[in-house]
Amino acid sequence: MADNKNNLQDEADIITLEFEDNTELECEIMGVFDYAGKDYIALIPLDDSDDVYIYGYKEIGDDEFELVDIEDEALFANVVQEFDSIMAEADEDPVN
């Protein structure tokens, strides 16, 4: 998955997020991207909302990874800005 950094996925991978209140939400993995030398992942919920969830991304084995909450608000804002920049570039390049 990390080799798809800064690119949209060609085929949909679906994961299920489990929240502290035991609710679950299926999400499509939009892609993994780099910010300041660390990996982050963008997820699109399959609930017809326009939301995008962004988490830290850590590979822990073949086809296994861990999502990490971004608790620092300033870091989160910077990561979101990087994601928005990548998306703007993708919108400008119709090949992707």
N, C-alpha and C. Protein backbone atom coordinates (compact mmCIF):
# COMPACT_ATOMS: atom_id res chain seq x y z
N MET A 1 0.81 -1.19 0.00
CA MET A 1 0.00 0.00 0.00
C MET A 1 0.86 1.25 0.00
N ALA A 2 1.99 1.24 0.70
CA ALA A 2 2.81 2.43 0.80
C ALA A 2 3.38 2.85 -0.56
N ASP A 3 3.45 1.92 -1.52
CA ASP A 3 3.96 2.30 -2.83
C ASP A 3 2.96 3.11 -3.63
N ASN A 4 1.75 3.28 -3.13
CA ASN A 4 0.74 4.11 -3.77
C ASN A 4 0.71 5.52 -3.19
N LYS A 5 1.76 5.92 -2.50
CA LYS A 5 1.77 7.23 -1.85
C LYS A 5 1.51 8.33 -2.85
N ASN A 6 0.72 9.30 -2.43
CA ASN A 6 0.38 10.48 -3.21
C ASN A 6 -0.35 10.14 -4.50
N ASN A 7 -0.96 8.97 -4.57
CA ASN A 7 -1.75 8.58 -5.73
C ASN A 7 -3.08 8.02 -5.25
N LEU A 8 -4.10 8.20 -6.08
CA LEU A 8 -5.38 7.59 -5.77
C LEU A 8 -5.30 6.10 -6.05
N GLN A 9 -6.09 5.33 -5.34
CA GLN A 9 -6.12 3.89 -5.53
C GLN A 9 -6.77 3.56 -6.87
N ASP A 10 -6.26 2.52 -7.55
CA ASP A 10 -6.86 2.07 -8.79
C ASP A 10 -8.10 1.21 -8.51
N GLU A 11 -8.06 0.43 -7.46
CA GLU A 11 -9.19 -0.40 -7.11
C GLU A 11 -9.55 -0.17 -5.65
N ALA A 12 -10.81 -0.31 -5.34
CA ALA A 12 -11.29 0.03 -4.00
C ALA A 12 -10.92 -1.04 -2.99
N ASP A 13 -10.27 -0.61 -1.91
CA ASP A 13 -10.04 -1.45 -0.74
C ASP A 13 -10.94 -0.90 0.35
N ILE A 14 -11.65 -1.77 1.01
CA ILE A 14 -12.61 -1.38 2.04
C ILE A 14 -12.11 -1.87 3.40
N ILE A 15 -12.17 -0.98 4.40
CA ILE A 15 -11.88 -1.38 5.77
C ILE A 15 -13.04 -0.94 6.65
N THR A 16 -13.14 -1.52 7.81
CA THR A 16 -14.18 -1.15 8.77
C THR A 16 -13.54 -0.47 9.96
N LEU A 17 -13.96 0.76 10.22
CA LEU A 17 -13.50 1.48 11.41
C LEU A 17 -14.40 1.09 12.58
N GLU A 18 -13.81 0.87 13.73
CA GLU A 18 -14.57 0.60 14.95
C GLU A 18 -14.28 1.73 15.93
N PHE A 19 -15.34 2.39 16.38
CA PHE A 19 -15.19 3.52 17.28
C PHE A 19 -15.38 3.09 18.74
N GLU A 20 -15.02 3.98 19.66
CA GLU A 20 -15.08 3.65 21.09
C GLU A 20 -16.48 3.28 21.56
N ASP A 21 -17.51 3.81 20.90
CA ASP A 21 -18.88 3.49 21.30
C ASP A 21 -19.40 2.23 20.62
N ASN A 22 -18.47 1.44 20.06
CA ASN A 22 -18.76 0.16 19.40
C ASN A 22 -19.51 0.29 18.08
N THR A 23 -19.65 1.50 17.54
CA THR A 23 -20.23 1.64 16.21
C THR A 23 -19.16 1.32 15.18
N GLU A 24 -19.60 0.87 14.03
CA GLU A 24 -18.69 0.53 12.95
C GLU A 24 -19.06 1.33 11.71
N LEU A 25 -18.06 1.62 10.88
CA LEU A 25 -18.27 2.38 9.66
C LEU A 25 -17.34 1.84 8.59
N GLU A 26 -17.93 1.37 7.49
CA GLU A 26 -17.11 0.90 6.38
C GLU A 26 -16.59 2.09 5.61
N CYS A 27 -15.29 2.03 5.23
CA CYS A 27 -14.65 3.11 4.50
C CYS A 27 -13.82 2.55 3.36
N GLU A 28 -13.79 3.32 2.28
CA GLU A 28 -12.91 3.00 1.17
C GLU A 28 -11.57 3.68 1.41
N ILE A 29 -10.50 2.96 1.15
CA ILE A 29 -9.17 3.56 1.27
C ILE A 29 -8.92 4.39 0.02
N MET A 30 -8.83 5.69 0.20
CA MET A 30 -8.59 6.58 -0.92
C MET A 30 -7.12 6.55 -1.32
N GLY A 31 -6.24 6.52 -0.33
CA GLY A 31 -4.82 6.46 -0.62
C GLY A 31 -3.97 6.77 0.59
N VAL A 32 -2.69 6.49 0.45
CA VAL A 32 -1.69 6.78 1.48
C VAL A 32 -0.79 7.87 0.94
N PHE A 33 -0.46 8.83 1.80
CA PHE A 33 0.40 9.93 1.36
C PHE A 33 1.38 10.28 2.46
N ASP A 34 2.43 10.99 2.06
CA ASP A 34 3.50 11.36 2.97
C ASP A 34 3.39 12.83 3.35
N TYR A 35 3.63 13.10 4.62
CA TYR A 35 3.77 14.47 5.09
C TYR A 35 4.90 14.49 6.12
N ALA A 36 5.90 15.29 5.90
CA ALA A 36 7.03 15.47 6.82
C ALA A 36 7.68 14.14 7.20
N GLY A 37 7.79 13.24 6.22
CA GLY A 37 8.48 11.98 6.45
C GLY A 37 7.66 10.90 7.13
N LYS A 38 6.37 11.14 7.33
CA LYS A 38 5.50 10.13 7.94
C LYS A 38 4.34 9.84 7.00
N ASP A 39 3.79 8.63 7.10
CA ASP A 39 2.69 8.22 6.24
C ASP A 39 1.34 8.49 6.89
N TYR A 40 0.40 8.89 6.06
CA TYR A 40 -0.98 9.15 6.47
C TYR A 40 -1.91 8.50 5.46
N ILE A 41 -3.13 8.20 5.90
CA ILE A 41 -4.09 7.53 5.03
C ILE A 41 -5.39 8.33 5.01
N ALA A 42 -5.99 8.39 3.83
CA ALA A 42 -7.28 9.06 3.65
C ALA A 42 -8.35 8.01 3.40
N LEU A 43 -9.43 8.08 4.16
CA LEU A 43 -10.53 7.12 4.07
C LEU A 43 -11.82 7.86 3.75
N ILE A 44 -12.62 7.27 2.88
CA ILE A 44 -13.92 7.84 2.53
C ILE A 44 -15.00 6.90 3.08
N PRO A 45 -15.85 7.39 4.00
CA PRO A 45 -16.90 6.53 4.52
C PRO A 45 -17.93 6.19 3.45
N LEU A 46 -18.46 4.98 3.51
CA LEU A 46 -19.46 4.53 2.53
C LEU A 46 -20.87 4.82 3.03
N ASP A 47 -21.06 6.00 3.62
CA ASP A 47 -22.36 6.37 4.17
C ASP A 47 -22.99 7.54 3.41
N ASP A 48 -22.52 7.79 2.19
CA ASP A 48 -23.03 8.87 1.33
C ASP A 48 -22.76 10.26 1.87
N SER A 49 -21.86 10.39 2.85
CA SER A 49 -21.47 11.71 3.32
C SER A 49 -20.30 12.21 2.49
N ASP A 50 -19.95 13.46 2.65
CA ASP A 50 -18.80 14.03 1.96
C ASP A 50 -17.56 14.03 2.84
N ASP A 51 -17.60 13.28 3.95
CA ASP A 51 -16.50 13.26 4.90
C ASP A 51 -15.30 12.52 4.35
N VAL A 52 -14.14 12.90 4.84
CA VAL A 52 -12.90 12.16 4.60
C VAL A 52 -12.23 12.03 5.96
N TYR A 53 -11.84 10.81 6.31
CA TYR A 53 -11.15 10.56 7.57
C TYR A 53 -9.66 10.43 7.27
N ILE A 54 -8.85 11.12 8.05
CA ILE A 54 -7.40 11.06 7.87
C ILE A 54 -6.76 10.59 9.17
N TYR A 55 -5.92 9.57 9.03
CA TYR A 55 -5.22 8.98 10.17
C TYR A 55 -3.74 8.83 9.83
N GLY A 56 -2.94 8.68 10.87
CA GLY A 56 -1.58 8.24 10.67
C GLY A 56 -1.64 6.80 10.18
N TYR A 57 -0.63 6.40 9.43
CA TYR A 57 -0.62 5.07 8.82
C TYR A 57 0.71 4.41 9.13
N LYS A 58 0.65 3.20 9.66
CA LYS A 58 1.87 2.48 10.03
C LYS A 58 1.74 1.04 9.56
N GLU A 59 2.65 0.65 8.65
CA GLU A 59 2.67 -0.75 8.20
C GLU A 59 3.26 -1.61 9.30
N ILE A 60 2.60 -2.75 9.56
CA ILE A 60 3.09 -3.65 10.60
C ILE A 60 3.35 -5.05 10.07
N GLY A 61 3.20 -5.24 8.78
CA GLY A 61 3.45 -6.54 8.18
C GLY A 61 2.89 -6.56 6.77
N ASP A 62 3.02 -7.71 6.11
CA ASP A 62 2.47 -7.84 4.76
C ASP A 62 0.96 -7.66 4.81
N ASP A 63 0.48 -6.69 4.06
CA ASP A 63 -0.96 -6.40 3.97
C ASP A 63 -1.59 -6.09 5.32
N GLU A 64 -0.80 -5.70 6.31
CA GLU A 64 -1.31 -5.31 7.61
C GLU A 64 -0.82 -3.92 7.94
N PHE A 65 -1.72 -3.12 8.50
CA PHE A 65 -1.34 -1.78 8.90
C PHE A 65 -2.16 -1.35 10.10
N GLU A 66 -1.69 -0.29 10.72
CA GLU A 66 -2.35 0.26 11.90
C GLU A 66 -2.72 1.71 11.62
N LEU A 67 -3.91 2.11 12.03
CA LEU A 67 -4.32 3.50 11.96
C LEU A 67 -3.96 4.17 13.27
N VAL A 68 -3.40 5.38 13.18
CA VAL A 68 -2.97 6.10 14.36
C VAL A 68 -3.70 7.44 14.40
N ASP A 69 -4.38 7.72 15.51
CA ASP A 69 -5.05 9.02 15.66
C ASP A 69 -4.02 10.14 15.64
N ILE A 70 -4.37 11.24 14.99
CA ILE A 70 -3.51 12.42 14.99
C ILE A 70 -4.06 13.35 16.06
N GLU A 71 -3.44 13.33 17.22
CA GLU A 71 -3.98 14.05 18.37
C GLU A 71 -3.54 15.51 18.43
N ASP A 72 -2.42 15.84 17.81
CA ASP A 72 -1.94 17.22 17.81
C ASP A 72 -2.72 18.01 16.75
N GLU A 73 -3.46 19.04 17.20
CA GLU A 73 -4.33 19.79 16.30
C GLU A 73 -3.57 20.52 15.20
N ALA A 74 -2.40 21.07 15.53
CA ALA A 74 -1.60 21.77 14.52
C ALA A 74 -1.09 20.79 13.47
N LEU A 75 -0.62 19.63 13.90
CA LEU A 75 -0.17 18.60 12.98
C LEU A 75 -1.32 18.15 12.09
N PHE A 76 -2.48 17.91 12.69
CA PHE A 76 -3.65 17.48 11.93
C PHE A 76 -3.99 18.51 10.85
N ALA A 77 -3.96 19.79 11.21
CA ALA A 77 -4.26 20.85 10.24
C ALA A 77 -3.26 20.83 9.09
N ASN A 78 -1.99 20.60 9.39
CA ASN A 78 -0.97 20.53 8.35
C ASN A 78 -1.15 19.31 7.45
N VAL A 79 -1.51 18.19 8.04
CA VAL A 79 -1.73 16.97 7.26
C VAL A 79 -2.93 17.15 6.35
N VAL A 80 -3.99 17.76 6.85
CA VAL A 80 -5.18 18.01 6.03
C VAL A 80 -4.83 18.96 4.88
N GLN A 81 -4.02 19.96 5.16
CA GLN A 81 -3.60 20.90 4.12
C GLN A 81 -2.81 20.16 3.03
N GLU A 82 -1.93 19.25 3.43
CA GLU A 82 -1.17 18.45 2.46
C GLU A 82 -2.12 17.58 1.63
N PHE A 83 -3.10 16.95 2.27
CA PHE A 83 -4.09 16.14 1.56
C PHE A 83 -4.85 17.00 0.55
N ASP A 84 -5.29 18.18 0.98
CA ASP A 84 -6.01 19.08 0.07
C ASP A 84 -5.15 19.48 -1.12
N SER A 85 -3.86 19.70 -0.87
CA SER A 85 -2.93 20.05 -1.95
C SER A 85 -2.80 18.89 -2.95
N ILE A 86 -2.68 17.68 -2.45
CA ILE A 86 -2.58 16.51 -3.32
C ILE A 86 -3.86 16.37 -4.14
N MET A 87 -5.00 16.56 -3.51
CA MET A 87 -6.28 16.44 -4.22
C MET A 87 -6.41 17.53 -5.29
N ALA A 88 -5.95 18.75 -5.00
CA ALA A 88 -6.01 19.83 -5.98
C ALA A 88 -5.14 19.50 -7.19
N GLU A 89 -3.95 18.93 -6.94
CA GLU A 89 -3.08 18.52 -8.03
C GLU A 89 -3.73 17.42 -8.87
N ALA A 90 -4.40 16.48 -8.21
CA ALA A 90 -5.07 15.40 -8.93
C ALA A 90 -6.21 15.94 -9.79
N ASP A 91 -6.91 16.95 -9.29
CA ASP A 91 -8.00 17.56 -10.06
C ASP A 91 -7.47 18.29 -11.29
N GLU A 92 -6.26 18.82 -11.19
CA GLU A 92 -5.66 19.54 -12.32
C GLU A 92 -5.10 18.60 -13.35
N ASP A 93 -4.78 17.36 -12.97
CA ASP A 93 -4.20 16.38 -13.87
C ASP A 93 -5.23 15.31 -14.22
N PRO A 94 -5.91 15.45 -15.37
CA PRO A 94 -6.99 14.50 -15.69
C PRO A 94 -6.52 13.08 -15.95
N VAL A 95 -5.21 12.84 -16.07
CA VAL A 95 -4.70 11.49 -16.29
C VAL A 95 -4.93 10.61 -15.07
N ASN A 96 -4.78 11.18 -13.84
CA ASN A 96 -4.99 10.41 -12.61
C ASN A 96 -6.41 10.19 -12.40
